[in-house]
Amino acid sequence: MKWTLITHDYPPKRGGVARYLEALVKTCECIELEYLKKLPNRISLLWFVYNRMKRSEGIITSHVLPIGTMCWLASKIAKKPYVVILHGMDFDLACRSVWKRWLLRQILKRAKTIVTNTKALDLEVSTFTHRMDIEFVYPTVTDGFIESANFIQAKHDGSDNIRLLTVARLVERKGHMKVLELVKGDENLSYTIVGDGMMKPAILNFIKEHSLEDRVELLSAVPDRKLPDLYSKSDIFVMPTTKSEGDREGFGIVYIEAQLFGIPVIATSHPGVDEAIRDRETGYLIDGSQDELKMAIENLKNSEVRKRMGAAGSEFIKSSFMREKQFKKFYKILDCE
């Protein structure tokens, strides 16, 4: 029998969790997918989880609430195990109330194994659960990006014009406005923003107010297949995030994507993010201040520095964040080697 992955977050949905789970299913033949396009009510969900649990080795879920709750309840009756995959935001959201924290602790205590997506989250969850057997499996770059990177890499010529790139949801904590402030004051900087979200009107207003239309472009609907071209045509990837209530940058897949294509990255040093970047080797981890952001960009205006960091970044990603290297760990985690 196979393990069953139950999720409502899977391609064609976009996002880090969907891509993480797709990589898991592609890698592990011992996993069968149950993709719920829409979550049913709690009673129906419990019945669904219970029936799938009876017919499989166990259940895997990356949604500690509510699917994890149903795994916890169903396992008491079916006497089958379940595995919880945790991402930083899911963990934070489940800790926001006394009731949810209690429920989260019960779910995680009974789980066969807990898998986190970074070492930093591993430590947080270990402290929360007092379990020392937690595993971590990093997110990885997609197979399509690997194939593209074999043919295209950033050029980093000696031009004075530096092309900045951010690929992210248009929300305040991603730091777009910090970058725009620097672009406004430096005519040698151009900036491509890829994404959509609630900050879009504010970003467009800023571009218009400061007459930046010739140096800043906002692309709201870019399919994944076109991202490699944007990465390779950029000089620096920059996303100086901040932590907000109920949301944080726990890793940042876009950082490893950019490095794959030979682009040095600038990021705010948060737990988890500092595992995706080697500070001063493949990019810069900054404190999030405008001064440090400006200094990092100034340092990377040197094309030789960009080439060196870009090459180191590409090698770092290829050696550490390949799908099979990371997700084959699940064979041991699930005892299906």
Protein backbone atom coordinates (compact mmCIF):
# COMPACT_ATOMS: atom_id res chain seq x y z
CA MET A 1 0.00 0.00 0.00
CA LYS A 2 1.02 3.60 -0.58
CA TRP A 3 0.93 6.66 1.61
CA THR A 4 -1.80 9.16 0.70
CA LEU A 5 -1.13 12.89 0.42
CA ILE A 6 -4.33 14.87 1.04
CA THR A 7 -4.17 18.53 0.05
CA HIS A 8 -6.18 21.41 -1.36
CA ASP A 9 -3.01 23.24 -2.46
CA TYR A 10 -1.53 21.66 -5.58
CA PRO A 11 -0.84 22.72 -9.20
CA PRO A 12 -2.42 24.25 -11.19
CA LYS A 13 -2.63 26.38 -8.03
CA ARG A 14 0.47 28.56 -7.71
CA GLY A 15 2.62 29.17 -4.69
CA GLY A 16 5.37 27.61 -2.63
CA VAL A 17 3.28 24.94 -0.90
CA ALA A 18 1.77 23.70 -4.17
CA ARG A 19 5.19 23.41 -5.76
CA TYR A 20 6.65 21.71 -2.69
CA LEU A 21 3.96 19.04 -2.77
CA GLU A 22 4.27 18.56 -6.51
CA ALA A 23 8.00 17.90 -6.08
CA LEU A 24 7.20 15.39 -3.33
CA VAL A 25 4.73 13.43 -5.49
CA LYS A 26 7.09 13.50 -8.50
CA THR A 27 9.94 12.10 -6.45
CA CYS A 28 8.29 9.47 -4.26
CA GLU A 29 6.53 6.57 -5.95
CA CYS A 30 5.21 5.43 -2.58
CA ILE A 31 2.86 8.47 -2.40
CA GLU A 32 -0.62 8.69 -3.91
CA LEU A 33 -2.21 12.12 -4.36
CA GLU A 34 -5.71 13.10 -3.25
CA TYR A 35 -6.23 16.66 -4.46
CA LEU A 36 -9.30 18.38 -3.04
CA LYS A 37 -10.12 21.37 -5.21
CA LYS A 38 -12.43 22.55 -2.44
CA LEU A 39 -12.43 21.55 1.21
CA PRO A 40 -15.70 19.87 2.31
CA ASN A 41 -17.34 20.58 5.65
CA ARG A 42 -15.63 19.20 8.76
CA ILE A 43 -17.75 16.03 9.09
CA SER A 44 -17.33 15.13 5.42
CA LEU A 45 -13.61 15.87 5.61
CA LEU A 46 -13.20 13.62 8.66
CA TRP A 47 -15.03 10.78 6.90
CA PHE A 48 -12.90 11.29 3.78
CA VAL A 49 -9.63 11.25 5.75
CA TYR A 50 -10.70 8.20 7.77
CA ASN A 51 -11.56 6.18 4.65
CA ARG A 52 -8.30 7.11 2.89
CA MET A 53 -6.36 6.31 6.05
CA LYS A 54 -7.87 2.81 6.24
CA ARG A 55 -6.89 2.10 2.61
CA SER A 56 -3.29 3.31 2.81
CA GLU A 57 -0.12 3.08 4.87
CA GLY A 58 -0.98 6.45 6.35
CA ILE A 59 -1.78 10.07 5.51
CA ILE A 60 0.52 12.97 4.68
CA THR A 61 -0.76 16.53 5.00
CA SER A 62 0.82 19.97 4.77
CA HIS A 63 -2.27 21.64 6.27
CA VAL A 64 -2.07 21.18 10.02
CA LEU A 65 -5.47 22.90 10.31
CA PRO A 66 -7.99 21.58 9.35
CA ILE A 67 -6.73 18.42 7.57
CA GLY A 68 -4.22 17.68 10.32
CA THR A 69 -7.04 17.84 12.86
CA MET A 70 -8.93 15.18 10.94
CA CYS A 71 -5.81 13.02 10.71
CA TRP A 72 -5.41 13.25 14.48
CA LEU A 73 -9.02 12.18 15.08
CA ALA A 74 -9.09 9.49 12.38
CA SER A 75 -5.82 7.93 13.54
CA LYS A 76 -7.35 7.19 16.94
CA ILE A 77 -9.95 4.97 15.25
CA ALA A 78 -8.11 3.62 12.19
CA LYS A 79 -4.87 3.03 14.14
CA LYS A 80 -2.84 4.30 11.19
CA PRO A 81 -0.06 6.93 11.22
CA TYR A 82 0.06 10.38 9.67
CA VAL A 83 2.88 12.78 8.78
CA VAL A 84 2.61 16.58 9.02
CA ILE A 85 4.60 18.87 6.72
CA LEU A 86 4.92 22.33 8.29
CA HIS A 87 5.68 25.69 6.68
CA GLY A 88 6.40 28.82 8.70
CA MET A 89 3.16 30.70 8.02
CA ASP A 90 1.00 27.63 8.80
CA PHE A 91 2.80 27.22 12.10
CA ASP A 92 2.38 30.92 12.95
CA LEU A 93 -1.34 30.92 12.11
CA ALA A 94 -1.94 27.82 14.21
CA CYS A 95 -0.27 29.50 17.21
CA ARG A 96 -2.45 32.61 17.21
CA SER A 97 -4.93 31.51 19.86
CA VAL A 98 -4.85 29.38 23.02
CA TRP A 99 -7.31 26.89 21.53
CA LYS A 100 -5.38 26.52 18.26
CA ARG A 101 -2.08 26.14 20.08
CA TRP A 102 -3.55 23.34 22.21
CA LEU A 103 -4.95 21.62 19.13
CA LEU A 104 -1.70 22.07 17.22
CA ARG A 105 0.26 20.50 20.06
CA GLN A 106 -2.05 17.43 20.11
CA ILE A 107 -1.80 16.98 16.33
CA LEU A 108 1.99 17.25 16.31
CA LYS A 109 2.51 15.04 19.36
CA ARG A 110 0.60 12.14 17.78
CA ALA A 111 2.13 12.49 14.28
CA LYS A 112 4.52 9.75 13.18
CA THR A 113 6.89 12.42 11.90
CA ILE A 114 6.93 16.19 11.51
CA VAL A 115 8.71 17.59 8.45
CA THR A 116 9.64 21.28 8.28
CA ASN A 117 10.92 23.20 5.26
CA THR A 118 13.91 24.80 7.08
CA LYS A 119 16.30 24.11 9.95
CA ALA A 120 15.08 27.28 11.66
CA LEU A 121 11.47 26.05 11.72
CA ASP A 122 12.70 22.63 12.84
CA LEU A 123 14.14 24.32 15.95
CA GLU A 124 10.93 26.29 16.60
CA VAL A 125 8.74 23.21 16.32
CA SER A 126 11.12 21.14 18.46
CA THR A 127 10.87 23.76 21.20
CA PHE A 128 7.08 23.84 20.88
CA THR A 129 6.54 20.06 20.90
CA HIS A 130 9.61 18.87 22.86
CA ARG A 131 10.15 16.36 20.05
CA MET A 132 13.72 15.80 18.89
CA ASP A 133 12.89 13.59 15.89
CA ILE A 134 11.73 16.36 13.53
CA GLU A 135 13.07 16.24 9.95
CA PHE A 136 13.59 19.09 7.49
CA VAL A 137 13.36 18.98 3.69
CA TYR A 138 14.11 22.17 1.78
CA PRO A 139 11.97 23.52 -1.06
CA THR A 140 13.67 23.07 -4.44
CA VAL A 141 13.80 24.61 -7.89
CA THR A 142 11.55 23.01 -10.50
CA ASP A 143 12.78 20.61 -13.17
CA GLY A 144 11.77 23.13 -15.85
CA PHE A 145 13.93 25.83 -14.27
CA ILE A 146 16.89 23.43 -14.11
CA GLU A 147 16.54 22.70 -17.82
CA SER A 148 16.32 26.43 -18.62
CA ALA A 149 19.35 27.24 -16.46
CA ASN A 150 21.43 24.81 -18.49
CA PHE A 151 20.95 27.11 -21.50
CA ILE A 152 20.56 30.64 -20.11
CA GLN A 153 22.42 32.51 -17.37
CA ALA A 154 22.69 36.16 -16.41
CA LYS A 155 25.30 38.01 -18.51
CA HIS A 156 26.43 40.78 -16.10
CA ASP A 157 28.04 43.03 -18.69
CA GLY A 158 29.83 46.23 -17.75
CA SER A 159 26.87 48.51 -18.45
CA ASP A 160 26.21 51.33 -16.01
CA ASN A 161 22.50 50.51 -16.07
CA ILE A 162 21.67 47.97 -13.33
CA ARG A 163 18.52 45.92 -13.77
CA LEU A 164 16.77 45.04 -10.50
CA LEU A 165 14.10 42.34 -10.23
CA THR A 166 11.52 41.35 -7.61
CA VAL A 167 9.15 38.40 -8.04
CA ALA A 168 6.60 38.41 -5.23
CA ARG A 169 3.05 39.13 -4.14
CA LEU A 170 2.42 42.87 -4.05
CA VAL A 171 2.08 43.21 -0.29
CA GLU A 172 3.81 45.72 1.96
CA ARG A 173 6.11 43.29 3.74
CA LYS A 174 7.85 42.25 0.49
CA GLY A 175 9.66 45.62 0.41
CA HIS A 176 8.83 46.93 -3.08
CA MET A 177 8.49 50.51 -1.86
CA LYS A 178 11.98 50.46 -0.31
CA VAL A 179 13.44 49.49 -3.66
CA LEU A 180 11.37 52.08 -5.52
CA GLU A 181 12.71 54.83 -3.24
CA LEU A 182 16.26 53.92 -4.26
CA VAL A 183 15.36 53.67 -7.93
CA LYS A 184 13.80 57.15 -7.74
CA GLY A 185 17.10 58.64 -6.65
CA ASP A 186 19.42 56.74 -8.98
CA GLU A 187 19.00 57.09 -12.75
CA ASN A 188 21.28 54.11 -13.36
CA LEU A 189 18.78 51.71 -11.78
CA SER A 190 15.87 50.12 -13.62
CA TYR A 191 13.38 47.85 -11.88
CA THR A 192 11.08 45.03 -12.97
CA ILE A 193 8.34 43.99 -10.55
CA VAL A 194 6.54 40.69 -11.16
CA GLY A 195 3.41 39.98 -9.15
CA ASP A 196 -0.04 41.10 -8.13
CA GLY A 197 -1.74 42.06 -4.90
CA MET A 198 -3.16 44.80 -2.73
CA MET A 199 -0.12 47.10 -3.10
CA LYS A 200 -0.54 47.36 -6.87
CA PRO A 201 -2.38 50.75 -6.83
CA ALA A 202 0.21 52.26 -4.48
CA ILE A 203 3.09 51.02 -6.62
CA LEU A 204 1.51 52.32 -9.84
CA ASN A 205 0.82 55.69 -8.20
CA PHE A 206 4.45 55.95 -7.06
CA ILE A 207 5.70 55.16 -10.58
CA LYS A 208 3.44 57.81 -12.09
CA GLU A 209 4.06 60.45 -9.41
CA HIS A 210 7.82 60.24 -9.85
CA SER A 211 7.80 59.76 -13.65
CA LEU A 212 9.50 56.37 -13.49
CA GLU A 213 7.61 54.78 -16.38
CA ASP A 214 10.78 54.53 -18.49
CA ARG A 215 12.73 52.70 -15.75
CA VAL A 216 10.13 50.69 -13.80
CA GLU A 217 7.75 48.07 -15.20
CA LEU A 218 5.12 46.10 -13.33
CA LEU A 219 4.13 42.72 -14.80
CA SER A 220 1.11 41.26 -13.03
CA ALA A 221 0.48 38.07 -14.98
CA VAL A 222 3.68 36.19 -15.82
CA PRO A 223 3.47 32.39 -16.22
CA ASP A 224 6.27 30.33 -14.64
CA ARG A 225 7.63 29.33 -18.04
CA LYS A 226 8.55 32.98 -18.75
CA LEU A 227 10.33 33.62 -15.45
CA PRO A 228 13.69 32.12 -16.53
CA ASP A 229 14.01 34.77 -19.23
CA LEU A 230 13.30 37.56 -16.72
CA TYR A 231 15.81 36.15 -14.23
CA SER A 232 18.56 35.81 -16.84
CA LYS A 233 18.08 39.38 -18.11
CA SER A 234 18.41 40.89 -14.62
CA ASP A 235 21.52 41.94 -12.70
CA ILE A 236 20.30 41.78 -9.09
CA PHE A 237 17.35 40.08 -7.44
CA VAL A 238 16.12 42.11 -4.48
CA MET A 239 13.37 41.40 -1.96
CA PRO A 240 13.99 43.12 1.42
CA THR A 241 11.09 41.61 3.38
CA THR A 242 9.81 42.49 6.82
CA LYS A 243 7.85 40.31 9.23
CA SER A 244 4.20 41.21 9.72
CA GLU A 245 1.54 39.87 12.06
CA GLY A 246 0.54 36.42 10.82
CA ASP A 247 2.93 36.43 7.86
CA ARG A 248 6.66 36.04 7.37
CA GLU A 249 9.25 34.99 4.84
CA GLY A 250 10.16 31.52 6.05
CA PHE A 251 12.50 30.63 3.17
CA GLY A 252 11.82 32.31 -0.19
CA ILE A 253 11.82 30.03 -3.23
CA VAL A 254 12.40 33.05 -5.49
CA TYR A 255 15.81 33.55 -3.86
CA ILE A 256 16.99 30.10 -4.93
CA GLU A 257 15.42 30.52 -8.37
CA ALA A 258 17.32 33.77 -8.94
CA GLN A 259 20.61 32.26 -7.78
CA LEU A 260 20.11 29.28 -10.10
CA PHE A 261 20.26 31.69 -13.05
CA GLY A 262 23.42 33.35 -11.79
CA ILE A 263 21.89 36.44 -10.18
CA PRO A 264 23.18 37.69 -6.81
CA VAL A 265 20.36 38.32 -4.35
CA ILE A 266 19.65 40.85 -1.63
CA ALA A 267 17.36 39.74 1.20
CA THR A 268 16.55 40.66 4.77
CA SER A 269 18.19 38.25 7.20
CA HIS A 270 15.33 36.22 8.70
CA PRO A 271 15.51 32.69 10.13
CA GLY A 272 15.04 30.33 7.19
CA VAL A 273 15.92 32.96 4.59
CA ASP A 274 19.52 32.78 5.80
CA GLU A 275 19.51 29.11 4.73
CA ALA A 276 18.64 30.00 1.13
CA ILE A 277 21.50 32.50 0.67
CA ARG A 278 25.19 32.49 1.57
CA ASP A 279 25.87 35.98 2.87
CA ARG A 280 28.58 37.82 0.91
CA GLU A 281 29.15 34.73 -1.22
CA THR A 282 25.96 34.45 -3.29
CA GLY A 283 24.35 37.72 -2.22
CA TYR A 284 23.76 39.96 0.77
CA LEU A 285 21.71 39.39 3.90
CA ILE A 286 20.84 42.83 5.26
CA ASP A 287 19.07 44.14 8.36
CA GLY A 288 16.23 45.56 6.25
CA SER A 289 17.27 49.21 6.61
CA GLN A 290 17.36 51.57 3.64
CA ASP A 291 21.05 52.26 4.23
CA GLU A 292 22.06 48.59 4.07
CA LEU A 293 19.86 48.02 1.02
CA LYS A 294 21.55 50.94 -0.75
CA MET A 295 25.02 49.72 0.25
CA ALA A 296 24.34 46.20 -1.04
CA ILE A 297 23.15 47.54 -4.40
CA GLU A 298 26.18 49.83 -4.64
CA ASN A 299 28.52 46.89 -4.02
CA LEU A 300 26.76 44.87 -6.71
CA LYS A 301 27.12 47.60 -9.32
CA ASN A 302 30.57 46.12 -9.88
CA SER A 303 30.08 43.61 -12.73
CA GLU A 304 32.97 41.41 -11.55
CA VAL A 305 31.39 41.10 -8.09
CA ARG A 306 28.07 40.19 -9.71
CA LYS A 307 29.72 37.55 -11.90
CA ARG A 308 31.56 36.01 -8.96
CA MET A 309 28.52 35.94 -6.68
CA GLY A 310 26.27 34.81 -9.52
CA ALA A 311 28.49 31.84 -10.35
CA ALA A 312 28.77 30.89 -6.67
CA GLY A 313 24.99 31.14 -6.31
CA SER A 314 24.29 28.91 -9.29
CA GLU A 315 26.68 26.26 -7.95
CA PHE A 316 25.18 26.54 -4.45
CA ILE A 317 21.66 25.88 -5.73
CA LYS A 318 22.70 22.98 -7.97
CA SER A 319 24.53 21.32 -5.09
CA SER A 320 21.86 21.82 -2.42
CA PHE A 321 18.36 22.44 -3.80
CA MET A 322 17.72 19.78 -6.43
CA ARG A 323 14.42 17.93 -6.19
CA GLU A 324 15.79 14.40 -5.92
CA LYS A 325 18.48 15.37 -3.38
CA GLN A 326 15.92 16.83 -0.99
CA PHE A 327 12.72 14.84 -1.51
CA LYS A 328 14.30 11.40 -1.56
CA LYS A 329 14.63 11.97 2.20
CA PHE A 330 10.93 11.10 2.35
CA TYR A 331 11.66 7.45 1.49
CA LYS A 332 13.40 7.12 4.85
CA ILE A 333 10.85 9.30 6.64
CA LEU A 334 7.98 7.10 5.39
CA ASP A 335 9.84 3.79 5.78
CA CYS A 336 9.28 2.96 2.12
CA GLU A 337 12.87 2.67 0.89
